[in-house]
């Protein structure tokens, strides 16, 4: 499992006061010089383009997809302890319309703590939006606007692709509102797949799409698009030592969003199953270093207090020589080795995480362990991943 350093910059322009300049980033009013999409009665569904990337194709994708990409403005009351101001805080992100009922997929961090949400359409029309559901664990949220006679001709519905079919090297296109510049398009490739990084909640978002298509603050919640004009991801984060793009961006795969869309449409806050351990993949070298008589599995380094694993009496490693971690290149000793879950052999920590992620809070799983060289089975009732 490859982890991305924690200095990932979320792409949301947060805590901007009014139209002031903060951190060198200006908040701009959305541009209003775009021609509205034409429709007689209902939002149109964008058709797929040929999977050949060229100027004509990208120009066509831009024309057809921009009516489905919106600017999301989050207004919230000033927080205490900051600069005194009578003005509400204001942040800007992006979103993509996913059906003709006005549902818009975006990032959870774009709408977090919102007292009021506004959506700006491609022609500059501003309409109110409501938060419907969210999935903080995957940094996803669903909001909705009213699709009335005034709004219908101005919007389109973006087609959703299949992110499981992506390959590194394929084309990647981003449309969004970086730094408030509405309806900006950039293009690049899928740089890699299956990336992982930890959010502020401590829960890692897994299976992320890495791209070199330029995405910047304000692109959050906007679509990552393939050469067929289909949404394959929701742009979420960048790796950057500065507040800007350096060639490494990340998107939540659209298939992850597909799985949680029904729950979010039902008005739910999606929860994720939680085991409550941190561990490392066991291989021959790791096993030899830790003095373990096991060739494969997950070595439990730490068990979080009051977690499901703690209640099931799983044992984490104990640091040697009074240190809080490894000493002289030696791993902490004494942790359990999880060799299988519900009878499925484990060869990596990713496999254990994936399996737990496929479950719901309240489900029970059976872990097969090696403890002090002896086999042991433990049943664990999974809990909700604690938000925040």
Protein backbone atom coordinates (compact mmCIF):
# COMPACT_ATOMS: atom_id res chain seq x y z
CA UNK A 1 0.00 0.00 0.00
CA UNK A 2 1.40 3.32 -1.05
CA UNK A 3 0.60 6.24 1.24
CA UNK A 4 0.69 9.83 0.10
CA UNK A 5 2.35 12.27 2.53
CA UNK A 6 -0.03 14.15 4.78
CA UNK A 7 0.77 17.56 3.33
CA UNK A 8 -1.84 16.98 0.68
CA UNK A 9 -3.71 20.21 0.05
CA UNK A 10 -7.47 19.88 -0.16
CA UNK A 11 -8.66 21.91 -3.06
CA UNK A 12 -11.36 23.91 -1.33
CA UNK A 13 -10.80 27.67 -0.99
CA UNK A 14 -11.95 27.83 2.62
CA UNK A 15 -12.55 30.65 5.06
CA UNK A 16 -12.42 33.48 2.57
CA UNK A 17 -14.10 36.58 3.95
CA UNK A 18 -16.40 38.27 1.50
CA UNK A 19 -14.35 39.09 -1.60
CA UNK A 20 -11.14 39.73 0.27
CA UNK A 21 -7.80 38.23 -0.72
CA UNK A 22 -6.64 35.44 1.58
CA UNK A 23 -3.41 33.46 1.34
CA UNK A 24 -2.74 35.14 -1.95
CA UNK A 25 -5.93 33.76 -3.52
CA UNK A 26 -8.62 36.12 -4.76
CA UNK A 27 -12.28 35.13 -4.70
CA UNK A 28 -13.77 36.07 -8.05
CA UNK A 29 -17.41 36.40 -8.99
CA UNK A 30 -18.33 33.64 -11.45
CA UNK A 31 -18.06 34.63 -15.09
CA UNK A 32 -21.38 35.35 -16.73
CA UNK A 33 -20.52 35.39 -20.40
CA UNK A 34 -21.21 31.76 -21.23
CA UNK A 35 -23.99 30.76 -23.62
CA UNK A 36 -26.63 28.63 -21.90
CA UNK A 37 -27.20 25.08 -23.07
CA UNK A 38 -30.30 24.71 -25.19
CA UNK A 39 -33.15 22.39 -24.22
CA UNK A 40 -36.87 22.54 -24.82
CA UNK A 41 -38.20 20.79 -21.75
CA UNK A 42 -35.69 18.89 -19.64
CA UNK A 43 -31.97 18.67 -18.94
CA UNK A 44 -30.14 16.81 -21.67
CA UNK A 45 -27.95 13.81 -21.01
CA UNK A 46 -24.49 14.18 -22.52
CA UNK A 47 -23.67 11.52 -25.10
CA UNK A 48 -20.29 9.78 -25.11
CA UNK A 49 -17.62 10.88 -27.58
CA UNK A 50 -15.26 8.63 -29.54
CA UNK A 51 -12.32 7.59 -27.36
CA UNK A 52 -9.79 9.54 -29.44
CA UNK A 53 -8.27 12.60 -27.81
CA UNK A 54 -7.60 15.56 -30.07
CA UNK A 55 -8.45 19.24 -30.28
CA UNK A 56 -11.87 18.58 -31.80
CA UNK A 57 -12.71 15.98 -29.16
CA UNK A 58 -11.63 18.08 -26.17
CA UNK A 59 -13.45 21.12 -27.56
CA UNK A 60 -16.59 19.05 -28.01
CA UNK A 61 -16.32 17.61 -24.49
CA UNK A 62 -15.97 21.12 -23.12
CA UNK A 63 -19.07 22.34 -24.96
CA UNK A 64 -21.17 19.38 -23.86
CA UNK A 65 -19.90 18.96 -20.28
CA UNK A 66 -19.62 22.52 -19.00
CA UNK A 67 -23.42 22.87 -18.57
CA UNK A 68 -23.18 19.89 -16.18
CA UNK A 69 -20.39 21.46 -14.07
CA UNK A 70 -21.37 24.07 -11.49
CA UNK A 71 -19.74 26.42 -9.03
CA UNK A 72 -20.63 25.66 -5.39
CA UNK A 73 -20.45 28.48 -2.85
CA UNK A 74 -20.46 27.65 0.85
CA UNK A 75 -21.46 30.46 3.21
CA UNK A 76 -21.13 29.99 6.94
CA UNK A 77 -21.08 32.06 10.07
CA UNK A 78 -17.67 33.39 11.18
CA UNK A 79 -15.83 31.01 13.48
CA UNK A 80 -14.77 32.19 16.91
CA UNK A 81 -11.14 32.78 17.67
CA UNK A 82 -10.30 34.13 14.24
CA UNK A 83 -10.20 37.60 12.76
CA UNK A 84 -13.20 39.62 13.89
CA UNK A 85 -15.46 40.24 10.91
CA UNK A 86 -19.16 40.98 10.42
CA UNK A 87 -19.06 39.08 7.12
CA UNK A 88 -19.79 35.37 6.80
CA UNK A 89 -17.04 33.05 5.69
CA UNK A 90 -17.23 32.09 2.03
CA UNK A 91 -15.65 29.21 0.17
CA UNK A 92 -15.86 28.07 -3.42
CA UNK A 93 -15.71 24.64 -5.01
CA UNK A 94 -17.16 22.72 -7.93
CA UNK A 95 -19.79 20.06 -8.53
CA UNK A 96 -21.23 17.93 -11.32
CA UNK A 97 -24.93 17.34 -12.10
CA UNK A 98 -25.67 13.61 -12.13
CA UNK A 99 -29.42 13.41 -12.88
CA UNK A 100 -32.37 15.43 -14.17
CA UNK A 101 -33.65 15.95 -10.62
CA UNK A 102 -30.84 18.45 -9.97
CA UNK A 103 -28.65 16.23 -7.81
CA UNK A 104 -25.05 17.45 -7.76
CA UNK A 105 -22.09 15.35 -6.66
CA UNK A 106 -19.29 17.26 -4.93
CA UNK A 107 -16.77 16.92 -2.09
CA UNK A 108 -17.80 16.84 1.56
CA UNK A 109 -15.13 19.41 2.40
CA UNK A 110 -16.73 21.82 -0.10
CA UNK A 111 -20.05 21.86 1.78
CA UNK A 112 -18.77 21.24 5.31
CA UNK A 113 -20.37 23.43 8.03
CA UNK A 114 -22.43 25.32 5.44
CA UNK A 115 -25.18 27.63 6.68
CA UNK A 116 -26.15 28.36 3.09
CA UNK A 117 -25.24 26.78 -0.23
CA UNK A 118 -25.47 28.51 -3.60
CA UNK A 119 -24.87 26.99 -7.03
CA UNK A 120 -23.80 29.07 -10.02
CA UNK A 121 -24.69 27.63 -13.40
CA UNK A 122 -22.58 27.89 -16.54
CA UNK A 123 -24.29 31.13 -17.66
CA UNK A 124 -23.84 32.81 -14.28
CA UNK A 125 -27.34 32.10 -12.94
CA UNK A 126 -27.21 31.61 -9.17
CA UNK A 127 -29.67 29.25 -7.47
CA UNK A 128 -29.94 27.97 -3.88
CA UNK A 129 -28.97 24.39 -3.07
CA UNK A 130 -29.69 21.99 -0.24
CA UNK A 131 -27.43 19.39 1.29
CA UNK A 132 -29.04 15.98 0.78
CA UNK A 133 -26.49 13.44 2.00
CA UNK A 134 -22.78 12.97 2.52
CA UNK A 135 -19.99 10.45 2.89
CA UNK A 136 -17.25 12.10 4.97
CA UNK A 137 -15.12 8.96 4.85
CA UNK A 138 -14.74 9.27 1.08
CA UNK A 139 -14.99 13.09 1.05
CA UNK A 140 -18.20 12.99 -1.00
CA UNK A 141 -21.45 14.91 -0.67
CA UNK A 142 -24.71 15.24 -2.60
CA UNK A 143 -26.55 18.53 -2.92
CA UNK A 144 -29.64 19.42 -4.95
CA UNK A 145 -31.07 22.39 -6.81
CA UNK A 146 -34.64 22.87 -7.99
CA UNK A 147 -34.89 22.18 -11.72
CA UNK A 148 -37.64 24.60 -12.73
CA UNK A 149 -38.49 26.05 -16.13
CA UNK A 150 -35.86 28.75 -15.69
CA UNK A 151 -33.08 26.27 -14.85
CA UNK A 152 -33.86 23.36 -17.23
CA UNK A 153 -32.50 24.93 -20.44
CA UNK A 154 -29.23 25.88 -18.76
CA UNK A 155 -28.01 22.55 -17.45
CA UNK A 156 -27.01 19.09 -18.66
CA UNK A 157 -26.62 15.73 -16.97
CA UNK A 158 -23.09 14.30 -17.06
CA UNK A 159 -22.77 10.59 -17.93
CA UNK A 160 -20.95 8.46 -15.39
CA UNK A 161 -18.24 6.12 -16.65
CA UNK A 162 -16.62 3.02 -15.18
CA UNK A 163 -13.52 3.90 -13.15
CA UNK A 164 -12.63 0.21 -12.76
CA UNK A 165 -11.71 0.16 -16.45
CA UNK A 166 -9.16 2.98 -16.19
CA UNK A 167 -5.53 2.36 -17.07
CA UNK A 168 -2.46 4.52 -16.43
CA UNK A 169 -1.67 6.54 -19.51
CA UNK A 170 -5.27 7.09 -20.54
CA UNK A 171 -6.52 10.64 -21.05
CA UNK A 172 -7.85 12.62 -18.09
CA UNK A 173 -9.73 15.92 -18.35
CA UNK A 174 -10.75 18.18 -15.47
CA UNK A 175 -13.45 20.85 -15.60
CA UNK A 176 -14.07 23.10 -12.62
CA UNK A 177 -13.62 26.49 -11.06
CA UNK A 178 -9.98 26.85 -9.93
CA UNK A 179 -9.44 30.02 -7.89
CA UNK A 180 -12.96 31.08 -8.90
CA UNK A 181 -12.31 31.00 -12.66
CA UNK A 182 -15.51 29.26 -13.69
CA UNK A 183 -15.65 26.56 -16.37
CA UNK A 184 -11.89 26.01 -16.69
CA UNK A 185 -10.70 22.89 -18.51
CA UNK A 186 -7.33 21.18 -18.16
CA UNK A 187 -6.12 17.88 -19.56
CA UNK A 188 -3.48 15.27 -18.90
CA UNK A 189 -3.33 11.56 -18.26
CA UNK A 190 -4.15 9.03 -15.58
CA UNK A 191 -0.78 8.90 -13.82
CA UNK A 192 -1.52 5.96 -11.54
CA UNK A 193 -4.31 4.10 -9.76
CA UNK A 194 -4.95 2.75 -6.29
CA UNK A 195 -3.38 5.63 -4.34
CA UNK A 196 -4.12 6.01 -0.62
CA UNK A 197 -3.93 8.95 1.75
CA UNK A 198 -5.23 9.82 5.20
CA UNK A 199 -7.85 12.50 5.70
CA UNK A 200 -8.21 14.75 8.73
CA UNK A 201 -10.61 12.16 10.19
CA UNK A 202 -7.80 9.59 10.15
CA UNK A 203 -9.66 7.34 7.73
CA UNK A 204 -7.67 6.84 4.55
CA UNK A 205 -9.40 7.34 1.22
CA UNK A 206 -8.31 4.39 -0.87
CA UNK A 207 -8.14 3.49 -4.56
CA UNK A 208 -7.70 7.12 -5.58
CA UNK A 209 -6.98 8.10 -9.19
CA UNK A 210 -3.74 10.04 -9.62
CA UNK A 211 -3.60 12.50 -12.53
CA UNK A 212 -1.35 15.19 -13.92
CA UNK A 213 -4.30 17.16 -15.32
CA UNK A 214 -3.89 20.52 -13.59
CA UNK A 215 -6.29 20.89 -10.67
CA UNK A 216 -6.11 23.70 -8.13
CA UNK A 217 -8.06 25.13 -5.18
CA UNK A 218 -11.64 25.51 -6.42
CA UNK A 219 -11.55 22.33 -8.54
CA UNK A 220 -12.71 20.31 -5.55
CA UNK A 221 -15.90 18.41 -6.30
CA UNK A 222 -15.57 18.84 -10.06
CA UNK A 223 -15.40 15.94 -12.50
CA UNK A 224 -12.41 14.05 -13.85
CA UNK A 225 -13.46 13.00 -17.35
CA UNK A 226 -12.24 10.36 -19.79
CA UNK A 227 -11.85 10.78 -23.54
CA UNK A 228 -15.38 9.44 -24.07
CA UNK A 229 -16.78 12.41 -22.15
CA UNK A 230 -17.73 10.35 -19.10
CA UNK A 231 -17.12 11.23 -15.45
CA UNK A 232 -14.63 8.77 -13.96
CA UNK A 233 -13.72 10.62 -10.76
CA UNK A 234 -14.41 13.53 -8.43
CA UNK A 235 -11.35 15.78 -8.05
CA UNK A 236 -10.48 16.00 -4.38
CA UNK A 237 -6.88 16.72 -3.42
CA UNK A 238 -3.42 17.69 -4.61
CA UNK A 239 0.07 16.94 -3.40
CA UNK A 240 1.83 20.28 -3.26
CA UNK A 241 4.44 22.02 -1.11
CA UNK A 242 2.86 25.29 -2.27
CA UNK A 243 -0.75 26.34 -2.61
CA UNK A 244 -0.96 25.32 -6.23
CA UNK A 245 -0.65 22.43 -8.65
CA UNK A 246 2.73 20.76 -9.21
CA UNK A 247 1.60 17.81 -11.32
CA UNK A 248 0.08 15.43 -8.77
CA UNK A 249 -3.66 15.48 -8.21
CA UNK A 250 -6.14 12.94 -6.89
CA UNK A 251 -9.76 12.04 -7.61
CA UNK A 252 -12.22 9.74 -5.85
CA UNK A 253 -13.18 7.03 -8.40
CA UNK A 254 -16.72 7.43 -9.68
CA UNK A 255 -17.47 3.79 -8.86
CA UNK A 256 -16.90 4.61 -5.20
CA UNK A 257 -19.47 7.40 -5.55
CA UNK A 258 -21.89 5.07 -7.35
CA UNK A 259 -21.89 2.70 -4.39
CA UNK A 260 -22.86 5.39 -1.89
CA UNK A 261 -25.16 7.52 -4.09
CA UNK A 262 -28.35 5.62 -3.10
CA UNK A 263 -27.65 6.19 0.60
CA UNK A 264 -26.83 9.87 0.04
CA UNK A 265 -29.98 10.33 -2.07
CA UNK A 266 -31.95 8.85 0.82
CA UNK A 267 -30.63 11.67 3.02
CA UNK A 268 -28.12 9.61 4.93
CA UNK A 269 -24.66 10.33 6.22
CA UNK A 270 -22.74 7.28 5.04
CA UNK A 271 -20.80 5.47 7.75
CA UNK A 272 -17.95 3.04 7.31
CA UNK A 273 -17.04 -0.05 9.26
CA UNK A 274 -14.19 0.32 11.73
CA UNK A 275 -11.90 -2.32 13.20
CA UNK A 276 -9.53 -0.04 15.08
CA UNK A 277 -6.06 -1.40 14.39
CA UNK A 278 -3.01 -0.21 12.53
CA UNK A 279 -0.81 -2.85 11.01
CA UNK A 280 1.75 -3.68 8.36
CA UNK A 281 1.95 -6.34 5.68
CA UNK A 282 3.97 -9.29 6.88
CA UNK A 283 6.65 -10.70 4.62
CA UNK A 284 9.63 -12.94 5.30
CA UNK A 285 11.96 -10.08 6.21
CA UNK A 286 9.40 -8.40 8.48
CA UNK A 287 8.61 -11.71 10.15
CA UNK A 288 12.29 -12.40 10.75
CA UNK A 289 12.81 -8.87 12.17
CA UNK A 290 9.87 -9.28 14.54
CA UNK A 291 10.80 -12.84 15.47
CA UNK A 292 7.52 -14.21 14.11
CA UNK A 293 6.88 -17.74 12.91
CA UNK A 294 4.61 -16.65 10.05
CA UNK A 295 5.19 -16.05 6.37
CA UNK A 296 2.15 -13.90 5.51
CA UNK A 297 -0.58 -11.86 7.13
CA UNK A 298 -1.04 -8.51 8.85
CA UNK A 299 1.13 -7.68 11.86
CA UNK A 300 -0.89 -5.66 14.38
CA UNK A 301 1.25 -2.74 15.51
CA UNK A 302 -1.34 -0.79 17.45
CA UNK A 303 -4.86 -1.35 18.79
CA UNK A 304 -6.82 1.83 19.41
CA UNK A 305 -8.36 2.10 22.89
CA UNK A 306 -12.11 1.40 23.06
CA UNK A 307 -12.15 0.26 19.44
CA UNK A 308 -13.90 -2.93 18.27
CA UNK A 309 -10.50 -4.62 18.12
CA UNK A 310 -9.75 -3.52 21.68
CA UNK A 311 -13.09 -4.87 22.90
CA UNK A 312 -12.27 -8.17 21.21
CA UNK A 313 -8.90 -8.22 23.03
CA UNK A 314 -6.65 -8.03 19.99
CA UNK A 315 -3.05 -7.43 20.96
CA UNK A 316 -0.83 -4.75 19.46
CA UNK A 317 2.95 -4.76 19.44
CA UNK A 318 4.93 -3.57 22.42
CA UNK A 319 7.95 -1.32 21.84
CA UNK A 320 11.29 -2.66 22.98
CA UNK A 321 13.92 -0.87 25.05
CA UNK A 322 11.36 1.60 26.36
CA UNK A 323 11.02 3.22 22.95
CA UNK A 324 7.71 4.26 21.45
CA UNK A 325 8.47 2.49 18.18
CA UNK A 326 11.08 0.36 16.57
CA UNK A 327 14.52 0.37 18.17
CA UNK A 328 17.80 -0.25 16.34
CA UNK A 329 15.88 -1.30 13.23
CA UNK A 330 13.79 -3.80 15.22
CA UNK A 331 10.01 -3.82 15.07
CA UNK A 332 8.04 -3.59 18.30
CA UNK A 333 7.38 -7.10 19.57
CA UNK A 334 4.36 -9.10 20.70
CA UNK A 335 1.64 -8.08 18.24
CA UNK A 336 -0.95 -10.48 16.87
CA UNK A 337 -0.63 -11.66 13.28
CA UNK A 338 -3.96 -11.70 11.43
CA UNK A 339 -3.66 -14.51 8.91
CA UNK A 340 -7.24 -14.61 7.59
CA UNK A 341 -10.63 -12.92 7.91
CA UNK A 342 -13.81 -14.99 7.62
CA UNK A 343 -11.68 -17.79 6.22
CA UNK A 344 -10.06 -15.64 3.52
CA UNK A 345 -6.25 -15.77 3.73
CA UNK A 346 -4.53 -12.39 3.98
CA UNK A 347 -1.31 -11.53 2.20
CA UNK A 348 -1.45 -7.74 2.69
CA UNK A 349 -2.83 -5.06 4.97
CA UNK A 350 -4.77 -3.72 1.96
CA UNK A 351 -6.76 -6.95 1.78
CA UNK A 352 -7.84 -6.64 5.40
CA UNK A 353 -8.78 -2.98 4.93
CA UNK A 354 -10.73 -3.73 1.75
CA UNK A 355 -12.67 -6.51 3.43
CA UNK A 356 -13.59 -4.42 6.46
CA UNK A 357 -14.60 -1.60 4.10
CA UNK A 358 -17.04 -3.95 2.38
CA UNK A 359 -18.90 -4.45 5.66
CA UNK A 360 -21.21 -2.28 7.74
CA UNK A 361 -21.07 -1.26 11.37
CA UNK A 362 -22.61 -4.02 13.46
CA UNK A 363 -21.38 -6.82 11.21
CA UNK A 364 -19.30 -9.53 12.82
CA UNK A 365 -16.08 -10.87 11.31
CA UNK A 366 -13.91 -13.77 12.40
CA UNK A 367 -10.19 -13.09 12.53
CA UNK A 368 -7.73 -15.99 12.54
CA UNK A 369 -4.64 -14.98 14.51
CA UNK A 370 -1.24 -16.17 15.48
CA UNK A 371 -0.47 -15.09 19.05
CA UNK A 372 2.83 -16.13 20.55
CA UNK A 373 3.03 -18.70 17.75
CA UNK A 374 -0.33 -20.26 18.62
CA UNK A 375 -3.44 -20.14 16.35
CA UNK A 376 -6.48 -18.35 17.71
CA UNK A 377 -9.87 -17.27 16.35
CA UNK A 378 -11.50 -14.03 17.51
CA UNK A 379 -14.93 -12.67 16.58
CA UNK A 380 -15.11 -8.89 16.27
CA UNK A 381 -18.24 -6.74 16.00
CA UNK A 382 -17.30 -3.85 13.71
CA UNK A 383 -18.15 -0.30 14.73
CA UNK A 384 -18.74 3.02 12.95
CA UNK A 385 -15.63 4.87 11.86
CA UNK A 386 -15.59 7.83 14.30
CA UNK A 387 -15.99 11.04 12.27
CA UNK A 388 -13.38 13.62 13.15
